[in-house]
């Protein structure tokens, strides 16, 4: 297996393991995946069960014999949470950008797990070429509200940028524009592989520059750990998607007769 796709798979697996461990340690849905609706019962038990799934599946991704099955479990796992708890707020409050942002981020995670399943030899319907394209579209659509959030909520984005960077508002808007550009490029097929790779790189830099220092500064704050590994998971998802986009090839020149 080429090194880059394998590294992307390992990165995704490590993020799932870490999020599972955090969920087990805190036994709280809201700390990792967001709040449960009021009608849900047995929250602690559900939190434990729902944390065990990414932990076990993440470990299984390291082994060739179990990797495809683990990826399929993660597809179902993220899809269930996305459909039940992330999409409904979009329909109930379509003019609230944060609902779109939340759905977009989890859509990117779903696209990563879906693409990973296809890469590992998943069978139709979820693992054929058409399914991979659908996952790619989902990833691209998820980037659009992610980019828009930098413009709609600059009061939350700007403080995340370390003070060593000058012109912090400009960085906030610039990175938002980069998310939008990457999403549109992947969606419309304009150098999509390069766009997804650059998006993955930007997310990696964001994870390292923003969340790693915060974890080091206040290691006792659970939110920082959660954000660190969620950011890493989305970074890995972007890398998985990028690895499966065919390289753009220029048409061969037509030789004169």
C-alpha atoms as a PDB file:
ATOM      1  CA  UNK A   1       0.000   0.000   0.000  1.00  0.00           C
ATOM      2  CA  UNK A   2       1.392   3.468  -0.840  1.00  0.00           C
ATOM      3  CA  UNK A   3       2.725   5.312   2.157  1.00  0.00           C
ATOM      4  CA  UNK A   4       0.416   8.324   2.059  1.00  0.00           C
ATOM      5  CA  UNK A   5      -2.897   6.407   2.086  1.00  0.00           C
ATOM      6  CA  UNK A   6      -1.569   4.134   4.829  1.00  0.00           C
ATOM      7  CA  UNK A   7      -0.436   7.113   6.926  1.00  0.00           C
ATOM      8  CA  UNK A   8      -3.857   8.735   6.444  1.00  0.00           C
ATOM      9  CA  UNK A   9      -5.546   5.539   7.634  1.00  0.00           C
ATOM     10  CA  UNK A  10      -3.310   5.347  10.728  1.00  0.00           C
ATOM     11  CA  UNK A  11      -3.993   8.998  11.506  1.00  0.00           C
ATOM     12  CA  UNK A  12      -7.742   8.420  11.250  1.00  0.00           C
ATOM     13  CA  UNK A  13      -7.492   5.310  13.423  1.00  0.00           C
ATOM     14  CA  UNK A  14      -5.500   7.145  16.103  1.00  0.00           C
ATOM     15  CA  UNK A  15      -8.109   9.903  16.223  1.00  0.00           C
ATOM     16  CA  UNK A  16     -10.946   7.403  16.675  1.00  0.00           C
ATOM     17  CA  UNK A  17      -9.047   5.653  19.476  1.00  0.00           C
ATOM     18  CA  UNK A  18      -8.333   8.940  21.248  1.00  0.00           C
ATOM     19  CA  UNK A  19     -11.943  10.135  20.986  1.00  0.00           C
ATOM     20  CA  UNK A  20     -13.111   6.790  22.345  1.00  0.00           C
ATOM     21  CA  UNK A  21     -10.719   7.040  25.294  1.00  0.00           C
ATOM     22  CA  UNK A  22     -11.847  10.607  26.036  1.00  0.00           C
ATOM     23  CA  UNK A  23     -15.490   9.542  25.911  1.00  0.00           C
ATOM     24  CA  UNK A  24     -14.848   6.669  28.311  1.00  0.00           C
ATOM     25  CA  UNK A  25     -12.903   8.902  30.678  1.00  0.00           C
ATOM     26  CA  UNK A  26     -15.544  11.629  30.778  1.00  0.00           C
ATOM     27  CA  UNK A  27     -18.654   9.490  30.167  1.00  0.00           C
ATOM     28  CA  UNK A  28     -20.283  12.548  28.693  1.00  0.00           C
ATOM     29  CA  UNK A  29     -21.643  12.855  25.163  1.00  0.00           C
ATOM     30  CA  UNK A  30     -21.486  16.630  25.074  1.00  0.00           C
ATOM     31  CA  UNK A  31     -17.735  16.626  25.679  1.00  0.00           C
ATOM     32  CA  UNK A  32     -17.032  14.771  22.427  1.00  0.00           C
ATOM     33  CA  UNK A  33     -19.989  14.421  20.075  1.00  0.00           C
ATOM     34  CA  UNK A  34     -22.336  17.146  21.265  1.00  0.00           C
ATOM     35  CA  UNK A  35     -25.384  17.116  23.530  1.00  0.00           C
ATOM     36  CA  UNK A  36     -28.016  14.421  23.404  1.00  0.00           C
ATOM     37  CA  UNK A  37     -31.651  15.462  22.936  1.00  0.00           C
ATOM     38  CA  UNK A  38     -33.861  15.662  26.000  1.00  0.00           C
ATOM     39  CA  UNK A  39     -35.738  12.460  25.127  1.00  0.00           C
ATOM     40  CA  UNK A  40     -32.609  10.283  25.346  1.00  0.00           C
ATOM     41  CA  UNK A  41     -32.358   8.117  28.476  1.00  0.00           C
ATOM     42  CA  UNK A  42     -29.476   6.244  30.041  1.00  0.00           C
ATOM     43  CA  UNK A  43     -26.988   8.904  29.022  1.00  0.00           C
ATOM     44  CA  UNK A  44     -24.027   7.500  30.934  1.00  0.00           C
ATOM     45  CA  UNK A  45     -24.557   4.008  29.556  1.00  0.00           C
ATOM     46  CA  UNK A  46     -25.006   5.353  26.037  1.00  0.00           C
ATOM     47  CA  UNK A  47     -21.871   7.456  26.409  1.00  0.00           C
ATOM     48  CA  UNK A  48     -19.839   4.394  27.389  1.00  0.00           C
ATOM     49  CA  UNK A  49     -21.231   2.259  24.574  1.00  0.00           C
ATOM     50  CA  UNK A  50     -20.833   5.014  22.019  1.00  0.00           C
ATOM     51  CA  UNK A  51     -17.239   5.574  23.131  1.00  0.00           C
ATOM     52  CA  UNK A  52     -16.307   1.910  22.885  1.00  0.00           C
ATOM     53  CA  UNK A  53     -17.246   1.747  19.208  1.00  0.00           C
ATOM     54  CA  UNK A  54     -14.605   4.181  17.844  1.00  0.00           C
ATOM     55  CA  UNK A  55     -12.048   2.822  20.303  1.00  0.00           C
ATOM     56  CA  UNK A  56     -12.434  -0.798  19.181  1.00  0.00           C
ATOM     57  CA  UNK A  57     -12.868   0.113  15.509  1.00  0.00           C
ATOM     58  CA  UNK A  58      -9.830   2.372  15.627  1.00  0.00           C
ATOM     59  CA  UNK A  59      -7.696  -0.466  16.976  1.00  0.00           C
ATOM     60  CA  UNK A  60      -9.106  -2.839  14.330  1.00  0.00           C
ATOM     61  CA  UNK A  61      -8.046  -0.427  11.563  1.00  0.00           C
ATOM     62  CA  UNK A  62      -4.417  -1.301  12.319  1.00  0.00           C
ATOM     63  CA  UNK A  63      -4.887  -4.914  11.236  1.00  0.00           C
ATOM     64  CA  UNK A  64      -5.326  -5.989   7.635  1.00  0.00           C
ATOM     65  CA  UNK A  65      -7.913  -8.695   8.336  1.00  0.00           C
ATOM     66  CA  UNK A  66     -10.224  -6.428  10.326  1.00  0.00           C
ATOM     67  CA  UNK A  67      -9.572  -3.020   8.735  1.00  0.00           C
ATOM     68  CA  UNK A  68     -12.387  -3.077   6.164  1.00  0.00           C
ATOM     69  CA  UNK A  69     -14.971  -4.246   8.706  1.00  0.00           C
ATOM     70  CA  UNK A  70     -13.782  -1.591  11.154  1.00  0.00           C
ATOM     71  CA  UNK A  71     -14.117   1.110   8.503  1.00  0.00           C
ATOM     72  CA  UNK A  72     -17.668  -0.039   7.754  1.00  0.00           C
ATOM     73  CA  UNK A  73     -18.523   0.126  11.453  1.00  0.00           C
ATOM     74  CA  UNK A  74     -17.198   3.687  11.576  1.00  0.00           C
ATOM     75  CA  UNK A  75     -19.256   4.615   8.508  1.00  0.00           C
ATOM     76  CA  UNK A  76     -22.413   3.398  10.239  1.00  0.00           C
ATOM     77  CA  UNK A  77     -21.341   4.948  13.538  1.00  0.00           C
ATOM     78  CA  UNK A  78     -20.697   8.468  12.190  1.00  0.00           C
ATOM     79  CA  UNK A  79     -23.641   8.296   9.772  1.00  0.00           C
ATOM     80  CA  UNK A  80     -26.049   7.430  12.577  1.00  0.00           C
ATOM     81  CA  UNK A  81     -24.894  10.352  14.705  1.00  0.00           C
ATOM     82  CA  UNK A  82     -24.899  12.684  11.696  1.00  0.00           C
ATOM     83  CA  UNK A  83     -28.399  11.737  10.569  1.00  0.00           C
ATOM     84  CA  UNK A  84     -30.005  11.681  13.997  1.00  0.00           C
ATOM     85  CA  UNK A  85     -28.370  14.624  15.729  1.00  0.00           C
ATOM     86  CA  UNK A  86     -26.470  16.839  13.271  1.00  0.00           C
ATOM     87  CA  UNK A  87     -28.815  17.154  10.300  1.00  0.00           C
ATOM     88  CA  UNK A  88     -32.099  17.847  12.179  1.00  0.00           C
ATOM     89  CA  UNK A  89     -30.891  21.255  13.508  1.00  0.00           C
ATOM     90  CA  UNK A  90     -30.116  22.259   9.914  1.00  0.00           C
ATOM     91  CA  UNK A  91     -33.745  21.685   8.930  1.00  0.00           C
ATOM     92  CA  UNK A  92     -35.211  23.180  12.100  1.00  0.00           C
ATOM     93  CA  UNK A  93     -32.982  26.292  11.974  1.00  0.00           C
ATOM     94  CA  UNK A  94     -31.730  26.609   8.376  1.00  0.00           C
ATOM     95  CA  UNK A  95     -30.616  30.218   8.841  1.00  0.00           C
ATOM     96  CA  UNK A  96     -28.340  29.391  11.779  1.00  0.00           C
ATOM     97  CA  UNK A  97     -24.836  28.898  10.403  1.00  0.00           C
ATOM     98  CA  UNK A  98     -23.538  26.983  13.415  1.00  0.00           C
ATOM     99  CA  UNK A  99     -25.984  24.171  12.624  1.00  0.00           C
ATOM    100  CA  UNK A 100     -24.547  23.939   9.124  1.00  0.00           C
ATOM    101  CA  UNK A 101     -21.014  24.070  10.539  1.00  0.00           C
ATOM    102  CA  UNK A 102     -21.660  21.176  12.903  1.00  0.00           C
ATOM    103  CA  UNK A 103     -23.286  19.114  10.160  1.00  0.00           C
ATOM    104  CA  UNK A 104     -20.477  19.979   7.764  1.00  0.00           C
ATOM    105  CA  UNK A 105     -17.709  18.887  10.121  1.00  0.00           C
ATOM    106  CA  UNK A 106     -19.360  15.554  10.845  1.00  0.00           C
ATOM    107  CA  UNK A 107     -20.094  15.179   7.155  1.00  0.00           C
ATOM    108  CA  UNK A 108     -16.345  15.457   6.531  1.00  0.00           C
ATOM    109  CA  UNK A 109     -15.724  12.760   9.133  1.00  0.00           C
ATOM    110  CA  UNK A 110     -18.304  10.554   7.457  1.00  0.00           C
ATOM    111  CA  UNK A 111     -16.691  11.155   4.070  1.00  0.00           C
ATOM    112  CA  UNK A 112     -13.338  10.099   5.510  1.00  0.00           C
ATOM    113  CA  UNK A 113     -14.678   6.851   6.976  1.00  0.00           C
ATOM    114  CA  UNK A 114     -16.637   6.137   3.795  1.00  0.00           C
ATOM    115  CA  UNK A 115     -13.616   6.684   1.539  1.00  0.00           C
ATOM    116  CA  UNK A 116     -11.461   4.599   3.851  1.00  0.00           C
ATOM    117  CA  UNK A 117     -13.922   1.712   3.580  1.00  0.00           C
ATOM    118  CA  UNK A 118     -13.739   1.892  -0.206  1.00  0.00           C
ATOM    119  CA  UNK A 119      -9.937   2.058  -0.118  1.00  0.00           C
ATOM    120  CA  UNK A 120      -9.806  -1.106   1.980  1.00  0.00           C
ATOM    121  CA  UNK A 121     -11.793  -3.097  -0.541  1.00  0.00           C
ATOM    122  CA  UNK A 122     -15.336  -2.399   0.572  1.00  0.00           C
ATOM    123  CA  UNK A 123     -18.022  -3.857  -1.664  1.00  0.00           C
ATOM    124  CA  UNK A 124     -20.884  -2.054  -3.437  1.00  0.00           C
ATOM    125  CA  UNK A 125     -22.923  -0.089  -2.720  1.00  0.00           C
ATOM    126  CA  UNK A 126     -20.706   1.801  -0.258  1.00  0.00           C
ATOM    127  CA  UNK A 127     -17.378   0.857  -1.782  1.00  0.00           C
ATOM    128  CA  UNK A 128     -17.683   1.288  -5.548  1.00  0.00           C
ATOM    129  CA  UNK A 129     -16.406   4.185  -7.624  1.00  0.00           C
ATOM    130  CA  UNK A 130     -19.742   5.983  -7.538  1.00  0.00           C
ATOM    131  CA  UNK A 131     -19.819   5.775  -3.749  1.00  0.00           C
ATOM    132  CA  UNK A 132     -16.313   7.244  -3.542  1.00  0.00           C
ATOM    133  CA  UNK A 133     -17.442  10.190  -5.671  1.00  0.00           C
ATOM    134  CA  UNK A 134     -20.462  10.682  -3.411  1.00  0.00           C
ATOM    135  CA  UNK A 135     -18.188  10.705  -0.357  1.00  0.00           C
ATOM    136  CA  UNK A 136     -15.982  13.265  -2.086  1.00  0.00           C
ATOM    137  CA  UNK A 137     -18.990  15.505  -2.739  1.00  0.00           C
ATOM    138  CA  UNK A 138     -20.023  15.174   0.904  1.00  0.00           C
ATOM    139  CA  UNK A 139     -16.526  16.194   1.973  1.00  0.00           C
ATOM    140  CA  UNK A 140     -16.575  19.213  -0.349  1.00  0.00           C
ATOM    141  CA  UNK A 141     -20.011  20.321   0.856  1.00  0.00           C
ATOM    142  CA  UNK A 142     -18.822  20.058   4.459  1.00  0.00           C
ATOM    143  CA  UNK A 143     -16.010  22.499   3.752  1.00  0.00           C
ATOM    144  CA  UNK A 144     -18.371  25.253   2.638  1.00  0.00           C
ATOM    145  CA  UNK A 145     -20.055  25.949   6.018  1.00  0.00           C
ATOM    146  CA  UNK A 146     -16.654  25.465   7.668  1.00  0.00           C
ATOM    147  CA  UNK A 147     -15.290  28.315   5.601  1.00  0.00           C
ATOM    148  CA  UNK A 148     -18.378  30.486   6.024  1.00  0.00           C
ATOM    149  CA  UNK A 149     -18.137  30.176   9.810  1.00  0.00           C
ATOM    150  CA  UNK A 150     -14.924  32.253   9.730  1.00  0.00           C
ATOM    151  CA  UNK A 151     -16.910  35.132   8.257  1.00  0.00           C
ATOM    152  CA  UNK A 152     -20.122  34.672  10.249  1.00  0.00           C
ATOM    153  CA  UNK A 153     -18.451  34.101  13.624  1.00  0.00           C
ATOM    154  CA  UNK A 154     -15.137  36.010  13.532  1.00  0.00           C
ATOM    155  CA  UNK A 155     -15.519  36.713  17.253  1.00  0.00           C
ATOM    156  CA  UNK A 156     -14.928  33.015  17.905  1.00  0.00           C
ATOM    157  CA  UNK A 157     -12.373  32.350  15.168  1.00  0.00           C
ATOM    158  CA  UNK A 158      -9.976  35.245  15.790  1.00  0.00           C
ATOM    159  CA  UNK A 159      -9.216  34.352  19.459  1.00  0.00           C
ATOM    160  CA  UNK A 160      -8.120  30.877  18.326  1.00  0.00           C
ATOM    161  CA  UNK A 161      -5.253  32.384  16.331  1.00  0.00           C
ATOM    162  CA  UNK A 162      -2.118  32.654  18.522  1.00  0.00           C
ATOM    163  CA  UNK A 163      -1.114  36.187  19.440  1.00  0.00           C
ATOM    164  CA  UNK A 164       2.295  35.724  17.805  1.00  0.00           C
ATOM    165  CA  UNK A 165       0.552  36.080  14.444  1.00  0.00           C
ATOM    166  CA  UNK A 166       0.089  39.675  13.289  1.00  0.00           C
ATOM    167  CA  UNK A 167      -3.164  40.763  11.665  1.00  0.00           C
ATOM    168  CA  UNK A 168      -5.185  38.005  13.311  1.00  0.00           C
ATOM    169  CA  UNK A 169      -8.531  39.040  11.740  1.00  0.00           C
ATOM    170  CA  UNK A 170      -6.936  38.793   8.307  1.00  0.00           C
ATOM    171  CA  UNK A 171      -5.733  35.260   9.069  1.00  0.00           C
ATOM    172  CA  UNK A 172      -9.217  34.289  10.207  1.00  0.00           C
ATOM    173  CA  UNK A 173     -10.787  35.500   6.969  1.00  0.00           C
ATOM    174  CA  UNK A 174      -7.959  34.106   4.825  1.00  0.00           C
ATOM    175  CA  UNK A 175      -8.276  30.585   6.247  1.00  0.00           C
ATOM    176  CA  UNK A 176     -12.050  30.780   5.847  1.00  0.00           C
ATOM    177  CA  UNK A 177     -11.584  31.680   2.200  1.00  0.00           C
ATOM    178  CA  UNK A 178      -9.168  28.750   1.829  1.00  0.00           C
ATOM    179  CA  UNK A 179     -11.781  26.333   3.195  1.00  0.00           C
ATOM    180  CA  UNK A 180     -14.318  27.692   0.727  1.00  0.00           C
ATOM    181  CA  UNK A 181     -11.893  27.533  -2.186  1.00  0.00           C
ATOM    182  CA  UNK A 182     -10.903  23.945  -1.372  1.00  0.00           C
ATOM    183  CA  UNK A 183     -14.527  22.856  -1.051  1.00  0.00           C
ATOM    184  CA  UNK A 184     -15.513  24.429  -4.369  1.00  0.00           C
ATOM    185  CA  UNK A 185     -12.417  23.045  -6.104  1.00  0.00           C
ATOM    186  CA  UNK A 186     -13.165  19.493  -4.979  1.00  0.00           C
ATOM    187  CA  UNK A 187     -16.864  19.876  -5.740  1.00  0.00           C
ATOM    188  CA  UNK A 188     -16.341  21.121  -9.304  1.00  0.00           C
ATOM    189  CA  UNK A 189     -13.234  19.096 -10.084  1.00  0.00           C
ATOM    190  CA  UNK A 190     -10.743  21.975 -10.376  1.00  0.00           C
ATOM    191  CA  UNK A 191      -7.452  20.363  -9.316  1.00  0.00           C
ATOM    192  CA  UNK A 192      -9.435  18.449  -6.672  1.00  0.00           C
ATOM    193  CA  UNK A 193      -6.560  16.276  -5.433  1.00  0.00           C
ATOM    194  CA  UNK A 194      -4.300  19.262  -4.856  1.00  0.00           C
ATOM    195  CA  UNK A 195      -7.136  21.173  -3.194  1.00  0.00           C
ATOM    196  CA  UNK A 196      -7.866  18.299  -0.792  1.00  0.00           C
ATOM    197  CA  UNK A 197      -4.167  17.872  -0.018  1.00  0.00           C
ATOM    198  CA  UNK A 198      -3.750  21.564   0.740  1.00  0.00           C
ATOM    199  CA  UNK A 199      -6.886  21.474   2.894  1.00  0.00           C
ATOM    200  CA  UNK A 200      -5.450  18.557   4.837  1.00  0.00           C
ATOM    201  CA  UNK A 201      -2.178  20.440   5.305  1.00  0.00           C
ATOM    202  CA  UNK A 202      -3.979  23.557   6.523  1.00  0.00           C
ATOM    203  CA  UNK A 203      -6.029  21.523   8.987  1.00  0.00           C
ATOM    204  CA  UNK A 204      -2.840  19.863  10.228  1.00  0.00           C
ATOM    205  CA  UNK A 205      -1.188  23.243  10.793  1.00  0.00           C
ATOM    206  CA  UNK A 206      -4.322  24.469  12.565  1.00  0.00           C
ATOM    207  CA  UNK A 207      -4.279  21.418  14.836  1.00  0.00           C
ATOM    208  CA  UNK A 208      -0.618  21.862  15.706  1.00  0.00           C
ATOM    209  CA  UNK A 209      -0.590  25.649  16.037  1.00  0.00           C
ATOM    210  CA  UNK A 210      -3.899  26.136  17.847  1.00  0.00           C
ATOM    211  CA  UNK A 211      -4.810  23.041  19.862  1.00  0.00           C
ATOM    212  CA  UNK A 212      -1.481  21.493  20.819  1.00  0.00           C
ATOM    213  CA  UNK A 213      -0.331  24.645  22.687  1.00  0.00           C
ATOM    214  CA  UNK A 214      -3.700  24.877  24.431  1.00  0.00           C
ATOM    215  CA  UNK A 215      -3.453  21.280  25.631  1.00  0.00           C
ATOM    216  CA  UNK A 216       0.081  21.903  26.874  1.00  0.00           C
ATOM    217  CA  UNK A 217      -0.947  25.118  28.640  1.00  0.00           C
ATOM    218  CA  UNK A 218      -4.054  23.680  30.329  1.00  0.00           C
ATOM    219  CA  UNK A 219      -3.886  19.879  30.207  1.00  0.00           C
ATOM    220  CA  UNK A 220      -6.698  19.587  32.746  1.00  0.00           C
ATOM    221  CA  UNK A 221      -9.276  21.139  30.409  1.00  0.00           C
ATOM    222  CA  UNK A 222     -11.235  18.327  28.686  1.00  0.00           C
ATOM    223  CA  UNK A 223     -12.518  20.619  25.933  1.00  0.00           C
ATOM    224  CA  UNK A 224      -8.990  21.252  24.662  1.00  0.00           C
ATOM    225  CA  UNK A 225      -8.305  17.525  24.379  1.00  0.00           C
ATOM    226  CA  UNK A 226     -11.582  16.963  22.582  1.00  0.00           C
ATOM    227  CA  UNK A 227     -10.981  19.769  20.116  1.00  0.00           C
ATOM    228  CA  UNK A 228      -7.440  18.563  19.509  1.00  0.00           C
ATOM    229  CA  UNK A 229      -8.524  15.064  18.524  1.00  0.00           C
ATOM    230  CA  UNK A 230     -11.603  16.178  16.598  1.00  0.00           C
ATOM    231  CA  UNK A 231      -9.370  18.511  14.621  1.00  0.00           C
ATOM    232  CA  UNK A 232      -6.934  15.645  14.066  1.00  0.00           C
ATOM    233  CA  UNK A 233      -9.782  13.355  12.975  1.00  0.00           C
ATOM    234  CA  UNK A 234     -10.997  15.867  10.376  1.00  0.00           C
ATOM    235  CA  UNK A 235      -7.408  16.390   9.222  1.00  0.00           C
ATOM    236  CA  UNK A 236      -7.062  12.637   8.738  1.00  0.00           C
ATOM    237  CA  UNK A 237     -10.417  12.468   6.951  1.00  0.00           C
ATOM    238  CA  UNK A 238      -9.232  15.136   4.516  1.00  0.00           C
ATOM    239  CA  UNK A 239      -6.024  13.173   3.927  1.00  0.00           C
ATOM    240  CA  UNK A 240      -7.984   9.961   3.290  1.00  0.00           C
ATOM    241  CA  UNK A 241     -10.205  11.706   0.754  1.00  0.00           C
ATOM    242  CA  UNK A 242      -7.228  13.382  -0.935  1.00  0.00           C
ATOM    243  CA  UNK A 243      -5.399  10.066  -1.276  1.00  0.00           C
ATOM    244  CA  UNK A 244      -8.261   8.573  -3.284  1.00  0.00           C
ATOM    245  CA  UNK A 245      -8.743  11.440  -5.751  1.00  0.00           C
ATOM    246  CA  UNK A 246      -7.117  10.581  -9.084  1.00  0.00           C
ATOM    247  CA  UNK A 247      -4.281  12.851 -10.132  1.00  0.00           C
ATOM    248  CA  UNK A 248      -5.217  15.382 -12.778  1.00  0.00           C
ATOM    249  CA  UNK A 249      -3.640  14.506 -16.065  1.00  0.00           C
ATOM    250  CA  UNK A 250      -3.155  16.877 -18.929  1.00  0.00           C
ATOM    251  CA  UNK A 251      -4.362  15.553 -22.283  1.00  0.00           C
ATOM    252  CA  UNK A 252      -1.604  14.385 -24.578  1.00  0.00           C
ATOM    253  CA  UNK A 253      -0.702  16.943 -27.231  1.00  0.00           C
ATOM    254  CA  UNK A 254      -2.186  16.323 -30.635  1.00  0.00           C
ATOM    255  CA  UNK A 255       0.592  15.847 -33.156  1.00  0.00           C
ATOM    256  CA  UNK A 256       0.055  17.392 -36.579  1.00  0.00           C
ATOM    257  CA  UNK A 257      -0.557  14.937 -39.393  1.00  0.00           C
END
